[in-house]
Amino acid sequence: MNIPSSPARALTDALILIVEDEPRLAAVLSDYLLATGYRCEWIADGAQVMSAYAQRRHDLILLDVMLPNRDGVSLCRELRAQSQVPIIMVTARVDEVDRLLGLQIGADDYVCKPFSPREVVARVGTVLRRYHQIPAPRTQALQIEEQNLRARLYGRELDLTPVEFRLLSALASSPLRIWPREQLLNQLYPDHRVVVDRTVDSHIKNLRRKLIEAGVTDEPIRSVYGVGYRLDLASDLY
């Protein structure tokens, strides 16, 4: 049985579930979120998460990976199978983010410890805005013709190289997904040629410039430190 998602609340009144087994860290996060206007609930035991969410239908979940009795990865999978509640995963290792991304568990964002509580609050706000905004239909902004290797933005055709087209197509296929460089390389070069990871950075720079020249007023492709890139729905690309 699917858990219904929470009704839309004012963003500053959103109910945040903090799932964290370190009491001091949970208290700091709660203090910062409360100071911003959010409401908070704290759970330290992974086994209690599903029942808590079923009862109170939180607006967003900050979910630690390592938890007693049940890990965050399996919880994220079950939550995502039953609900579209926004989930931000919290992990103690940067290299673990690549593993989480590879598992495609359905999280909306990832935060690595140690982190700034202000950064977490900012990420919470960004993810909530994505879920509460009503985006324009994708075809009104970005049109991608896979067979013809053509892309249009606001009706204007983009002058893209084949590699740039494949890059844009991959990013646009899952706008909320953070793509590691290695996975993007596999999308850019189907023949699996040997190229350095930084090759992606060069293509991203060129593609970002062309999107801005076509009329995007915000940065359409965001860099996620230590991980890779994502097409940002907070921009006016969509």
Protein backbone atom coordinates (compact mmCIF):
# COMPACT_ATOMS: atom_id res chain seq x y z
CA MET A 1 0.00 0.00 0.00
CA ASN A 2 1.43 3.38 -0.98
CA ILE A 3 1.98 6.01 1.66
CA PRO A 4 0.31 9.22 0.48
CA SER A 5 2.57 12.20 0.14
CA SER A 6 2.00 15.15 2.43
CA PRO A 7 -0.30 17.97 1.34
CA ALA A 8 1.46 21.16 0.24
CA ARG A 9 2.42 23.31 3.22
CA ALA A 10 4.06 26.72 3.26
CA LEU A 11 7.74 26.07 2.70
CA THR A 12 8.70 27.85 5.93
CA ASP A 13 6.30 25.62 7.85
CA ALA A 14 7.54 22.35 6.34
CA LEU A 15 7.95 19.37 8.67
CA ILE A 16 11.47 17.90 8.43
CA LEU A 17 12.31 14.41 9.67
CA ILE A 18 15.93 14.18 10.84
CA VAL A 19 17.11 10.55 10.89
CA GLU A 20 20.47 10.68 12.64
CA ASP A 21 21.99 8.55 15.41
CA GLU A 22 24.44 11.24 16.59
CA PRO A 23 22.44 13.31 19.12
CA ARG A 24 24.71 16.37 18.99
CA LEU A 25 24.61 16.54 15.21
CA ALA A 26 20.85 16.03 15.15
CA ALA A 27 20.43 18.81 17.73
CA VAL A 28 22.54 21.24 15.67
CA LEU A 29 20.58 20.48 12.50
CA SER A 30 17.30 20.85 14.36
CA ASP A 31 18.34 24.20 15.84
CA TYR A 32 19.29 25.63 12.44
CA LEU A 33 16.16 24.32 10.75
CA LEU A 34 13.91 25.63 13.54
CA ALA A 35 15.61 29.03 13.34
CA THR A 36 14.73 29.11 9.63
CA GLY A 37 11.08 28.42 10.39
CA TYR A 38 10.82 24.70 9.70
CA ARG A 39 9.32 22.18 12.11
CA CYS A 40 11.46 19.17 13.02
CA GLU A 41 11.23 15.63 14.31
CA TRP A 42 14.26 13.53 15.24
CA ILE A 43 14.61 9.75 15.01
CA ALA A 44 17.82 7.88 15.87
CA ASP A 45 16.65 4.34 15.08
CA GLY A 46 16.29 3.28 11.43
CA ALA A 47 13.62 0.76 12.35
CA GLN A 48 11.23 3.56 13.38
CA VAL A 49 11.37 5.61 10.19
CA MET A 50 8.65 4.00 8.11
CA SER A 51 6.02 4.06 10.84
CA ALA A 52 6.89 7.66 11.73
CA TYR A 53 6.54 8.80 8.13
CA ALA A 54 3.28 6.87 7.66
CA GLN A 55 1.81 8.69 10.66
CA ARG A 56 3.05 12.23 10.07
CA ARG A 57 3.89 12.42 6.34
CA HIS A 58 6.88 14.72 6.64
CA ASP A 59 7.66 17.22 3.88
CA LEU A 60 11.34 16.21 3.66
CA ILE A 61 13.61 13.60 5.21
CA LEU A 62 17.28 14.08 6.13
CA LEU A 63 18.41 10.47 6.13
CA ASP A 64 21.76 9.27 7.46
CA VAL A 65 23.26 6.26 5.68
CA MET A 66 24.62 4.48 8.77
CA LEU A 67 21.86 3.88 11.32
CA PRO A 68 21.18 1.33 14.06
CA ASN A 69 18.82 -1.54 13.19
CA ARG A 70 18.24 -0.45 9.60
CA ASP A 71 20.46 1.35 7.11
CA GLY A 72 19.54 4.49 5.21
CA VAL A 73 19.97 2.93 1.77
CA SER A 74 17.24 0.34 2.28
CA LEU A 75 15.03 2.95 3.91
CA CYS A 76 15.44 5.30 0.97
CA ARG A 77 14.50 2.54 -1.46
CA GLU A 78 11.35 1.63 0.48
CA LEU A 79 10.32 5.25 0.94
CA ARG A 80 10.82 5.98 -2.74
CA ALA A 81 8.80 2.91 -3.73
CA GLN A 82 5.85 4.21 -1.71
CA SER A 83 6.12 7.98 -1.82
CA GLN A 84 7.68 10.95 -3.58
CA VAL A 85 8.74 12.59 -0.30
CA PRO A 86 11.99 14.55 -0.85
CA ILE A 87 15.01 12.74 0.62
CA ILE A 88 18.47 14.15 1.30
CA MET A 89 20.99 11.44 2.16
CA VAL A 90 23.73 12.16 4.70
CA THR A 91 26.98 10.20 4.47
CA ALA A 92 30.30 10.31 6.28
CA ARG A 93 32.44 9.66 3.18
CA VAL A 94 32.67 11.51 -0.12
CA ASP A 95 33.58 8.30 -1.97
CA GLU A 96 30.37 6.70 -0.69
CA VAL A 97 28.33 9.18 -2.73
CA ASP A 98 29.50 7.50 -5.94
CA ARG A 99 28.32 4.17 -4.58
CA LEU A 100 24.94 5.60 -3.62
CA LEU A 101 24.55 7.17 -7.03
CA GLY A 102 25.45 3.88 -8.68
CA LEU A 103 22.72 2.16 -6.70
CA GLN A 104 20.18 4.69 -8.00
CA ILE A 105 18.26 4.60 -4.74
CA GLY A 106 16.15 7.63 -5.57
CA ALA A 107 17.48 10.32 -3.23
CA ASP A 108 17.14 13.95 -4.29
CA ASP A 109 20.45 15.16 -2.90
CA TYR A 110 23.50 14.04 -0.91
CA VAL A 111 25.40 15.78 1.90
CA CYS A 112 28.80 14.62 3.14
CA LYS A 113 30.02 14.93 6.72
CA PRO A 114 31.47 17.15 8.04
CA PHE A 115 29.17 19.79 6.66
CA SER A 116 28.02 23.30 7.42
CA PRO A 117 24.54 23.34 8.98
CA ARG A 118 23.82 26.43 6.91
CA GLU A 119 24.59 24.44 3.75
CA VAL A 120 22.16 21.73 4.82
CA VAL A 121 19.44 24.32 5.47
CA ALA A 122 20.10 25.81 2.02
CA ARG A 123 19.86 22.38 0.38
CA VAL A 124 16.63 21.65 2.23
CA GLY A 125 15.16 24.89 0.90
CA THR A 126 16.31 24.16 -2.66
CA VAL A 127 14.85 20.65 -2.70
CA LEU A 128 11.55 21.81 -1.20
CA ARG A 129 11.25 24.56 -3.80
CA ARG A 130 11.75 22.00 -6.57
CA TYR A 131 8.89 19.90 -5.25
CA HIS A 132 6.51 22.77 -4.64
CA GLN A 133 7.08 24.73 -7.81
CA ILE A 134 4.87 24.07 -10.85
CA PRO A 135 7.31 23.93 -13.73
CA ALA A 136 6.36 24.84 -17.26
CA PRO A 137 5.92 21.86 -19.56
CA ARG A 138 9.33 20.68 -20.65
CA THR A 139 8.49 21.03 -24.33
CA GLN A 140 7.94 24.77 -23.87
CA ALA A 141 11.57 25.26 -22.83
CA LEU A 142 13.81 22.40 -23.93
CA GLN A 143 13.15 20.13 -26.90
CA ILE A 144 15.43 17.21 -27.68
CA GLU A 145 15.23 15.18 -30.89
CA GLU A 146 17.29 12.07 -30.27
CA GLN A 147 17.11 10.72 -33.82
CA ASN A 148 18.19 13.99 -35.44
CA LEU A 149 20.69 14.99 -32.73
CA ARG A 150 18.96 18.35 -32.48
CA ALA A 151 18.01 20.40 -29.43
CA ARG A 152 16.01 23.62 -29.09
CA LEU A 153 15.76 25.96 -26.16
CA TYR A 154 12.84 28.44 -26.14
CA GLY A 155 12.33 27.54 -29.79
CA ARG A 156 15.91 28.44 -30.70
CA GLU A 157 18.07 25.66 -32.10
CA LEU A 158 21.25 25.02 -30.14
CA ASP A 159 24.50 24.70 -32.06
CA LEU A 160 25.82 21.59 -30.30
CA THR A 161 28.54 19.11 -31.15
CA PRO A 162 27.47 15.44 -31.04
CA VAL A 163 29.23 15.05 -27.69
CA GLU A 164 27.51 18.14 -26.26
CA PHE A 165 24.16 16.87 -27.52
CA ARG A 166 24.65 13.50 -25.78
CA LEU A 167 25.70 15.31 -22.62
CA LEU A 168 22.60 17.53 -22.60
CA SER A 169 20.37 14.57 -23.40
CA ALA A 170 21.79 12.56 -20.50
CA LEU A 171 21.46 15.40 -18.00
CA ALA A 172 17.93 16.25 -19.15
CA SER A 173 16.78 12.62 -18.89
CA SER A 174 16.99 12.87 -15.08
CA PRO A 175 17.16 16.55 -14.09
CA LEU A 176 17.28 15.86 -10.34
CA ARG A 177 20.02 13.25 -10.63
CA ILE A 178 23.64 13.97 -9.77
CA TRP A 179 25.79 12.42 -12.49
CA PRO A 180 29.36 11.32 -11.58
CA ARG A 181 31.94 12.11 -14.26
CA GLU A 182 32.54 8.43 -14.99
CA GLN A 183 28.86 7.82 -15.77
CA LEU A 184 28.71 10.88 -17.98
CA LEU A 185 31.80 9.69 -19.87
CA ASN A 186 29.99 6.42 -20.61
CA GLN A 187 27.10 8.45 -22.06
CA LEU A 188 29.36 10.72 -24.11
CA TYR A 189 31.52 8.04 -25.70
CA PRO A 190 29.57 4.85 -26.50
CA ASP A 191 32.76 3.27 -27.89
CA HIS A 192 34.27 3.46 -24.36
CA ARG A 193 37.41 5.18 -25.56
CA VAL A 194 39.97 6.03 -22.90
CA VAL A 195 39.64 9.69 -21.89
CA VAL A 196 40.38 11.55 -18.67
CA ASP A 197 37.58 12.54 -16.31
CA ARG A 198 38.35 16.22 -16.79
CA THR A 199 37.20 15.89 -20.40
CA VAL A 200 33.66 16.12 -19.05
CA ASP A 201 34.48 19.42 -17.35
CA SER A 202 35.47 20.95 -20.67
CA HIS A 203 32.26 19.81 -22.38
CA ILE A 204 30.17 21.00 -19.43
CA LYS A 205 31.77 24.44 -19.65
CA ASN A 206 30.98 24.72 -23.37
CA LEU A 207 27.43 23.41 -22.98
CA ARG A 208 26.73 25.72 -20.05
CA ARG A 209 27.95 28.70 -22.09
CA LYS A 210 25.70 27.79 -25.04
CA LEU A 211 22.63 27.39 -22.81
CA ILE A 212 23.26 30.79 -21.24
CA GLU A 213 23.74 32.35 -24.68
CA ALA A 214 20.39 30.85 -25.68
CA GLY A 215 18.60 32.73 -22.90
CA VAL A 216 18.99 30.87 -19.58
CA THR A 217 19.36 33.51 -16.88
CA ASP A 218 20.49 31.19 -14.07
CA GLU A 219 23.31 28.62 -14.05
CA PRO A 220 21.61 25.61 -15.69
CA ILE A 221 24.24 22.97 -14.87
CA ARG A 222 25.40 22.78 -11.27
CA SER A 223 28.69 21.35 -10.08
CA VAL A 224 28.37 19.04 -7.06
CA TYR A 225 31.72 19.14 -5.28
CA GLY A 226 33.58 15.85 -5.33
CA VAL A 227 30.84 14.07 -7.26
CA GLY A 228 29.82 15.45 -10.65
CA TYR A 229 27.04 17.49 -12.24
CA ARG A 230 23.30 17.90 -12.33
CA LEU A 231 20.80 19.84 -14.42
CA ASP A 232 19.26 22.20 -11.88
CA LEU A 233 15.48 22.47 -11.91
CA ALA A 234 15.75 25.63 -9.82
CA SER A 235 17.01 27.40 -12.92
CA ASP A 236 14.63 28.72 -15.58
CA LEU A 237 15.61 25.97 -18.01
CA TYR A 238 12.35 24.18 -17.17
